[in-house]
């Protein structure tokens, strides 16, 4: 089942259940998917990879907004962002733990023969391909930088 169809069904269920929190998150996802579709063109369907990237972008936006609201002591707005983030994350693939990401990056460093910080681009390019959708780019970057500076 396509993501958009699942979102539409979940929106109907949330409306019937009067679950405004979930409904708000689902509508944000639907809007982002429709926007991505119109950017691609009406004839082209979104691939699963593109859908995951759209969801990751939404999740990142919510995390950053929540962080800003927390710094500004705006708990009301912080709570809204966190609730929407939970809904968005429920549609993302299971995220790898920090240890799993570290293990994968170590393996990629060995594969590429990277020896120091100058090889960061090689490692990140491969890591972003292999771990796309499974780990946050910022986390991958932090781990890769730490491992490459050790060498």
Protein backbone atom coordinates (compact mmCIF):
# COMPACT_ATOMS: atom_id res chain seq x y z
CA UNK A 1 0.00 0.00 0.00
CA UNK A 2 1.32 3.40 -0.94
CA UNK A 3 2.16 5.79 1.86
CA UNK A 4 -0.40 8.34 0.68
CA UNK A 5 -3.19 5.74 0.82
CA UNK A 6 -2.15 4.73 4.34
CA UNK A 7 -2.08 8.37 5.42
CA UNK A 8 -5.57 8.95 3.98
CA UNK A 9 -6.93 5.93 5.88
CA UNK A 10 -5.24 7.04 9.10
CA UNK A 11 -6.66 10.56 8.68
CA UNK A 12 -10.18 9.12 8.43
CA UNK A 13 -9.59 6.95 11.50
CA UNK A 14 -8.18 9.90 13.48
CA UNK A 15 -11.18 12.05 12.50
CA UNK A 16 -13.60 9.36 13.64
CA UNK A 17 -11.67 8.91 16.89
CA UNK A 18 -11.50 12.72 17.33
CA UNK A 19 -7.73 12.37 17.87
CA UNK A 20 -6.69 15.94 17.02
CA UNK A 21 -3.04 15.39 17.89
CA UNK A 22 -2.61 12.51 15.44
CA UNK A 23 -4.75 14.27 12.86
CA UNK A 24 -2.50 17.34 12.94
CA UNK A 25 0.60 15.21 12.32
CA UNK A 26 -1.05 13.19 9.56
CA UNK A 27 -2.20 16.32 7.77
CA UNK A 28 1.35 17.70 7.88
CA UNK A 29 2.62 14.49 6.28
CA UNK A 30 -0.10 14.55 3.61
CA UNK A 31 0.67 18.18 2.76
CA UNK A 32 4.39 17.45 2.43
CA UNK A 33 3.75 14.43 0.20
CA UNK A 34 1.38 16.39 -2.03
CA UNK A 35 3.94 19.18 -2.30
CA UNK A 36 6.67 16.69 -3.25
CA UNK A 37 4.36 15.15 -5.86
CA UNK A 38 3.63 18.49 -7.50
CA UNK A 39 7.35 19.29 -7.61
CA UNK A 40 8.01 16.00 -9.43
CA UNK A 41 5.21 16.51 -11.89
CA UNK A 42 1.69 15.12 -12.07
CA UNK A 43 2.61 12.05 -14.12
CA UNK A 44 5.40 10.79 -11.86
CA UNK A 45 4.66 8.83 -8.72
CA UNK A 46 6.84 9.24 -5.67
CA UNK A 47 9.26 6.43 -4.99
CA UNK A 48 9.52 4.90 -1.54
CA UNK A 49 12.94 6.53 -1.12
CA UNK A 50 11.50 9.95 -1.89
CA UNK A 51 8.68 9.40 0.59
CA UNK A 52 11.19 8.45 3.31
CA UNK A 53 13.24 11.57 2.54
CA UNK A 54 10.13 13.74 2.84
CA UNK A 55 9.31 12.16 6.21
CA UNK A 56 12.89 12.60 7.41
CA UNK A 57 12.81 16.25 6.43
CA UNK A 58 9.56 16.75 8.37
CA UNK A 59 11.00 14.97 11.41
CA UNK A 60 14.15 17.07 11.31
CA UNK A 61 12.09 20.28 11.10
CA UNK A 62 10.02 19.21 14.11
CA UNK A 63 13.13 18.32 16.16
CA UNK A 64 14.77 21.66 15.40
CA UNK A 65 11.60 23.63 16.16
CA UNK A 66 11.06 21.73 19.40
CA UNK A 67 14.62 22.50 20.46
CA UNK A 68 14.14 26.21 19.78
CA UNK A 69 10.83 26.28 21.65
CA UNK A 70 12.40 24.50 24.62
CA UNK A 71 15.22 27.07 24.75
CA UNK A 72 12.66 29.86 24.72
CA UNK A 73 10.56 28.20 27.47
CA UNK A 74 7.56 27.84 25.16
CA UNK A 75 6.32 24.51 26.51
CA UNK A 76 2.97 24.82 24.73
CA UNK A 77 4.60 24.99 21.28
CA UNK A 78 7.30 22.48 22.27
CA UNK A 79 4.63 19.91 23.15
CA UNK A 80 2.87 20.36 19.78
CA UNK A 81 6.13 19.79 17.87
CA UNK A 82 6.96 16.67 19.91
CA UNK A 83 3.48 15.21 19.35
CA UNK A 84 3.73 15.76 15.59
CA UNK A 85 7.25 14.30 15.60
CA UNK A 86 5.95 11.10 17.21
CA UNK A 87 3.30 10.73 14.50
CA UNK A 88 5.86 11.34 11.72
CA UNK A 89 8.37 8.90 13.23
CA UNK A 90 5.70 6.17 13.31
CA UNK A 91 5.87 6.15 9.48
CA UNK A 92 9.68 6.15 9.25
CA UNK A 93 11.69 2.93 9.10
CA UNK A 94 13.11 1.77 12.44
CA UNK A 95 16.13 3.91 13.27
CA UNK A 96 19.44 2.25 14.05
CA UNK A 97 20.92 2.67 17.51
CA UNK A 98 24.09 4.72 17.96
CA UNK A 99 26.10 1.50 18.40
CA UNK A 100 24.70 0.01 15.17
CA UNK A 101 25.55 3.20 13.27
CA UNK A 102 29.05 3.22 14.75
CA UNK A 103 29.56 -0.41 13.68
CA UNK A 104 28.33 0.34 10.15
CA UNK A 105 30.57 3.41 9.84
CA UNK A 106 33.60 1.43 11.07
CA UNK A 107 32.90 -1.14 8.37
CA UNK A 108 32.59 1.58 5.71
CA UNK A 109 35.87 3.15 6.84
CA UNK A 110 37.55 -0.23 6.41
CA UNK A 111 35.94 -0.71 2.98
CA UNK A 112 37.02 2.69 1.68
CA UNK A 113 40.47 2.55 3.26
CA UNK A 114 39.89 5.95 4.87
CA UNK A 115 42.76 6.97 7.12
CA UNK A 116 41.93 10.40 8.47
CA UNK A 117 39.67 13.44 8.46
CA UNK A 118 40.62 14.20 4.83
CA UNK A 119 38.65 11.09 3.78
CA UNK A 120 35.45 12.28 5.47
CA UNK A 121 33.73 12.96 2.12
CA UNK A 122 34.32 9.42 0.84
CA UNK A 123 32.99 7.85 4.02
CA UNK A 124 29.97 10.17 4.28
CA UNK A 125 28.97 9.62 0.66
CA UNK A 126 28.91 5.87 1.11
CA UNK A 127 27.35 6.06 4.58
CA UNK A 128 24.51 8.27 3.39
CA UNK A 129 23.74 5.76 0.63
CA UNK A 130 23.86 2.66 2.82
CA UNK A 131 22.19 4.13 5.92
CA UNK A 132 19.60 6.32 4.18
CA UNK A 133 16.38 6.35 6.16
CA UNK A 134 17.87 4.27 8.96
CA UNK A 135 19.96 6.92 10.69
CA UNK A 136 20.12 10.69 11.01
CA UNK A 137 22.79 12.34 8.86
CA UNK A 138 24.00 14.43 11.78
CA UNK A 139 24.60 11.30 13.88
CA UNK A 140 26.42 9.58 11.02
CA UNK A 141 28.61 12.65 10.54
CA UNK A 142 29.48 12.92 14.25
CA UNK A 143 30.44 9.24 14.45
CA UNK A 144 32.44 9.32 11.21
CA UNK A 145 34.33 12.44 12.30
CA UNK A 146 35.15 10.90 15.70
CA UNK A 147 36.32 7.62 14.17
CA UNK A 148 38.41 9.31 11.48
CA UNK A 149 40.17 11.63 13.93
CA UNK A 150 41.09 8.59 16.08
CA UNK A 151 42.99 6.99 13.19
